[in-house]
C-alpha cells in the first residue's frame, strides 16, 4: 500500500516521516506540503476556495499513486468529506481514530486547541463518530490563541505551559480531553499522568490505525 500524507504545517513533514520510519519502516509513503491552506483559513479567506485547493492536493496525491491519503490538518477536515466523493482512494483524517476512541471514553469531551480554525471541524468530527456509535456527547471547545502565537514566535516553553494550564482547567469539567492539533500532541503523556483521566492525541492513534491497515 502506498500512503500519501498531505500537510499544511512544515514541521509535521519531519514528524510523520520519523513516526513512519520508527513504526512502519517498510511502508511506501510520501509527503505533500501546502502551508497556504491553513494560513488562508486563519486569515479568514473564502472557505470554499480553500477547500477546493485541499481537494486538489488530495487528487494530486491519488494521481501520484497513493492508495491511502492521510490528511494531517484538523482544520481542513470538512474538505476531506468533499474529497471522499470525488477521489478513488480512501482518505483518512488524522483525527478519525482519536475521535472514535474519544466518544467511547466519556460523554463530556473537552477539545483543547490553539487556533480558531480547529474547534468547528473537530467538534463536527466528534459528533459524527458519536452518531455512528449511537452515543450522545457534550463537547466543550477550549481555545488558547496566545499559545499558538507563542509557538509561532518560537517560544515552545510558553506554548506548552499555556496549553497545559488550559487542559488542567478543562479537566474538572470533562471525562476525556482531546488534544485537537498535532502541534500539541507531544503534551499527551505528561497531561495524562497529571490529570488522571483520558487525554487523547492523534499521531499515536493514527500510527496504530495505519498499522492495522498495512497488516490487512
Protein backbone atom coordinates (compact mmCIF):
# COMPACT_ATOMS: atom_id res chain seq x y z
CA UNK A 1 0.00 0.00 0.00
CA UNK A 2 1.32 3.43 -0.95
CA UNK A 3 0.40 6.13 1.59
CA UNK A 4 0.37 9.88 0.94
CA UNK A 5 0.45 12.38 3.80
CA UNK A 6 -0.94 15.83 2.99
CA UNK A 7 0.28 18.51 5.42
CA UNK A 8 -0.41 22.21 5.98
CA UNK A 9 2.35 22.79 8.57
CA UNK A 10 6.03 22.33 7.74
CA UNK A 11 7.27 20.61 10.91
CA UNK A 12 4.68 17.83 10.55
CA UNK A 13 6.51 16.51 7.50
CA UNK A 14 9.55 15.61 9.60
CA UNK A 15 7.41 14.38 12.49
CA UNK A 16 5.38 11.94 10.41
CA UNK A 17 8.37 10.86 8.38
CA UNK A 18 10.08 9.94 11.66
CA UNK A 19 6.98 8.18 13.01
CA UNK A 20 6.63 6.09 9.86
CA UNK A 21 10.32 5.21 9.85
CA UNK A 22 10.15 4.15 13.50
CA UNK A 23 6.88 2.22 13.42
CA UNK A 24 6.32 1.21 9.79
CA UNK A 25 9.78 1.33 8.19
CA UNK A 26 8.84 -0.83 5.20
CA UNK A 27 5.82 1.25 4.22
CA UNK A 28 5.86 3.06 0.88
CA UNK A 29 4.88 6.65 1.65
CA UNK A 30 5.41 10.22 0.51
CA UNK A 31 4.53 13.71 1.76
CA UNK A 32 2.85 16.74 0.23
CA UNK A 33 3.10 20.14 1.95
CA UNK A 34 0.96 23.20 1.22
CA UNK A 35 1.24 25.74 4.01
CA UNK A 36 -1.07 28.23 2.29
CA UNK A 37 -4.15 26.15 3.09
CA UNK A 38 -4.05 26.64 6.86
CA UNK A 39 -2.61 30.13 6.55
CA UNK A 40 -5.56 31.23 4.42
CA UNK A 41 -8.10 29.64 6.76
CA UNK A 42 -6.58 31.54 9.66
CA UNK A 43 -6.68 34.76 7.63
CA UNK A 44 -10.41 34.29 7.04
CA UNK A 45 -10.09 33.69 3.30
CA UNK A 46 -13.05 32.23 1.41
CA UNK A 47 -13.53 28.77 2.92
CA UNK A 48 -14.95 27.22 -0.24
CA UNK A 49 -11.89 28.27 -2.23
CA UNK A 50 -9.52 26.83 0.37
CA UNK A 51 -11.45 23.57 0.48
CA UNK A 52 -11.28 23.32 -3.30
CA UNK A 53 -7.49 23.55 -3.08
CA UNK A 54 -7.45 20.86 -0.37
CA UNK A 55 -9.40 18.57 -2.68
CA UNK A 56 -6.90 19.36 -5.44
CA UNK A 57 -3.95 18.40 -3.20
CA UNK A 58 -5.63 15.12 -2.32
CA UNK A 59 -6.33 14.49 -6.00
CA UNK A 60 -2.67 15.07 -6.82
CA UNK A 61 -1.70 12.53 -4.16
CA UNK A 62 -4.01 9.96 -5.74
CA UNK A 63 -2.67 10.77 -9.21
CA UNK A 64 0.82 10.07 -7.82
CA UNK A 65 -0.24 6.54 -6.92
CA UNK A 66 -1.46 6.88 -3.34
CA UNK A 67 -3.69 4.01 -2.28
CA UNK A 68 -4.46 5.76 1.03
CA UNK A 69 -4.32 9.51 1.70
CA UNK A 70 -3.83 10.85 5.23
CA UNK A 71 -4.84 14.48 5.84
CA UNK A 72 -2.85 15.69 8.85
CA UNK A 73 -4.61 19.06 9.28
CA UNK A 74 -7.61 19.12 11.63
CA UNK A 75 -8.81 22.50 10.36
CA UNK A 76 -9.30 21.23 6.81
CA UNK A 77 -11.28 18.19 7.94
CA UNK A 78 -14.55 19.24 6.20
CA UNK A 79 -12.77 19.34 2.85
CA UNK A 80 -11.95 15.64 3.24
CA UNK A 81 -15.66 14.84 3.20
CA UNK A 82 -15.85 16.54 -0.20
CA UNK A 83 -12.73 14.80 -1.48
CA UNK A 84 -14.07 11.41 -0.48
CA UNK A 85 -16.88 11.84 -3.01
CA UNK A 86 -14.62 12.66 -5.93
CA UNK A 87 -11.47 10.53 -5.47
CA UNK A 88 -10.89 6.82 -5.90
CA UNK A 89 -8.59 6.18 -2.92
CA UNK A 90 -9.69 6.08 0.74
CA UNK A 91 -8.86 9.18 2.77
CA UNK A 92 -8.15 9.13 6.49
CA UNK A 93 -8.43 12.25 8.64
CA UNK A 94 -5.69 12.48 11.24
CA UNK A 95 -8.32 12.75 13.97
CA UNK A 96 -10.56 9.86 12.88
CA UNK A 97 -9.03 7.22 15.20
CA UNK A 98 -8.87 9.68 18.10
CA UNK A 99 -12.47 10.83 17.65
CA UNK A 100 -13.72 7.26 17.55
CA UNK A 101 -11.93 6.49 20.82
CA UNK A 102 -12.94 9.78 22.48
CA UNK A 103 -16.66 9.17 22.16
CA UNK A 104 -16.17 5.71 23.64
CA UNK A 105 -14.20 7.13 26.57
CA UNK A 106 -16.72 9.54 28.07
CA UNK A 107 -19.75 11.72 27.48
CA UNK A 108 -18.17 15.09 28.38
CA UNK A 109 -15.34 15.86 25.94
CA UNK A 110 -13.04 18.88 26.15
CA UNK A 111 -11.38 19.83 22.86
CA UNK A 112 -8.09 21.65 23.50
CA UNK A 113 -6.77 23.74 20.62
CA UNK A 114 -4.66 26.79 19.94
CA UNK A 115 -6.08 28.24 16.75
CA UNK A 116 -9.56 29.40 15.82
CA UNK A 117 -9.89 27.27 12.70
CA UNK A 118 -9.77 23.95 14.58
CA UNK A 119 -12.75 23.82 17.02
CA UNK A 120 -15.55 23.70 14.44
CA UNK A 121 -14.17 20.81 12.36
CA UNK A 122 -13.02 18.91 15.46
CA UNK A 123 -16.40 19.16 17.17
CA UNK A 124 -18.21 18.15 13.98
CA UNK A 125 -15.97 15.10 13.62
CA UNK A 126 -16.62 14.04 17.23
CA UNK A 127 -20.37 14.36 16.69
CA UNK A 128 -20.14 12.29 13.50
CA UNK A 129 -18.34 9.50 15.33
CA UNK A 130 -20.76 9.73 18.25
CA UNK A 131 -23.71 9.39 15.87
CA UNK A 132 -22.08 6.43 14.14
CA UNK A 133 -21.69 4.71 17.53
CA UNK A 134 -25.16 5.70 18.77
CA UNK A 135 -23.76 7.83 21.59
CA UNK A 136 -24.61 11.27 22.97
CA UNK A 137 -21.75 13.60 23.84
CA UNK A 138 -21.27 17.07 25.30
CA UNK A 139 -18.36 18.94 23.74
CA UNK A 140 -16.55 21.99 25.10
CA UNK A 141 -14.01 23.79 22.95
CA UNK A 142 -11.09 25.35 24.82
CA UNK A 143 -9.11 27.72 22.58
CA UNK A 144 -5.78 29.31 23.52
CA UNK A 145 -4.68 31.56 20.64
CA UNK A 146 -1.97 33.02 22.86
CA UNK A 147 -0.33 29.60 22.88
CA UNK A 148 -0.42 29.48 19.08
CA UNK A 149 1.17 32.94 18.96
CA UNK A 150 3.89 31.81 21.37
CA UNK A 151 4.71 28.78 19.22
CA UNK A 152 4.79 30.92 16.07
CA UNK A 153 7.27 33.19 17.87
CA UNK A 154 9.48 30.23 18.74
CA UNK A 155 8.61 30.13 22.45
CA UNK A 156 7.66 26.47 22.85
CA UNK A 157 8.01 26.56 26.65
CA UNK A 158 5.34 29.26 26.96
CA UNK A 159 3.18 27.46 24.41
CA UNK A 160 3.35 24.23 26.40
CA UNK A 161 2.63 25.98 29.70
CA UNK A 162 -0.46 27.72 28.30
CA UNK A 163 -1.84 24.51 26.78
CA UNK A 164 -1.19 22.55 29.97
CA UNK A 165 -2.95 25.21 32.05
CA UNK A 166 -5.97 25.17 29.74
CA UNK A 167 -6.14 21.38 29.89
CA UNK A 168 -5.95 21.35 33.68
CA UNK A 169 -8.84 23.83 33.92
CA UNK A 170 -10.98 21.87 31.48
CA UNK A 171 -10.26 18.54 33.16
CA UNK A 172 -12.54 19.40 36.07
CA UNK A 173 -15.49 19.66 33.67
CA UNK A 174 -14.80 16.72 31.40
CA UNK A 175 -14.49 12.94 31.23
CA UNK A 176 -11.94 12.92 28.43
CA UNK A 177 -9.68 15.55 26.86
CA UNK A 178 -8.82 15.71 23.19
CA UNK A 179 -5.64 17.48 22.04
CA UNK A 180 -7.06 18.65 18.74
CA UNK A 181 -3.85 19.56 16.90
CA UNK A 182 -0.72 17.59 16.13
CA UNK A 183 1.29 20.61 17.34
CA UNK A 184 0.18 19.95 20.95
CA UNK A 185 0.20 16.16 20.82
CA UNK A 186 3.62 15.91 22.49
CA UNK A 187 1.99 17.02 25.77
CA UNK A 188 -0.25 13.96 25.92
CA UNK A 189 1.91 11.72 28.15
CA UNK A 190 2.51 14.30 30.89
CA UNK A 191 -1.09 15.55 30.84
CA UNK A 192 -2.39 12.00 31.04
CA UNK A 193 -0.28 11.39 34.12
CA UNK A 194 -1.02 14.75 35.74
CA UNK A 195 -4.77 14.85 35.20
CA UNK A 196 -5.66 11.23 35.93
CA UNK A 197 -8.19 10.91 33.11
CA UNK A 198 -8.04 10.05 29.41
CA UNK A 199 -6.07 12.55 27.34
CA UNK A 200 -6.02 11.67 23.65
CA UNK A 201 -3.79 12.85 20.81
CA UNK A 202 -3.98 11.93 17.16
CA UNK A 203 -0.49 10.93 15.92
CA UNK A 204 -0.02 7.79 18.02
CA UNK A 205 -3.57 6.56 17.41
CA UNK A 206 -3.16 7.27 13.69
CA UNK A 207 0.01 5.16 13.59
CA UNK A 208 -1.90 2.29 15.19
CA UNK A 209 -4.65 2.59 12.60
CA UNK A 210 -2.12 2.63 9.77
CA UNK A 211 -0.53 -0.48 11.25
CA UNK A 212 -3.88 -2.29 11.11
CA UNK A 213 -4.45 -1.23 7.51
CA UNK A 214 -0.95 -2.21 6.43
CA UNK A 215 -1.32 -5.61 8.08
CA UNK A 216 -4.63 -6.17 6.32
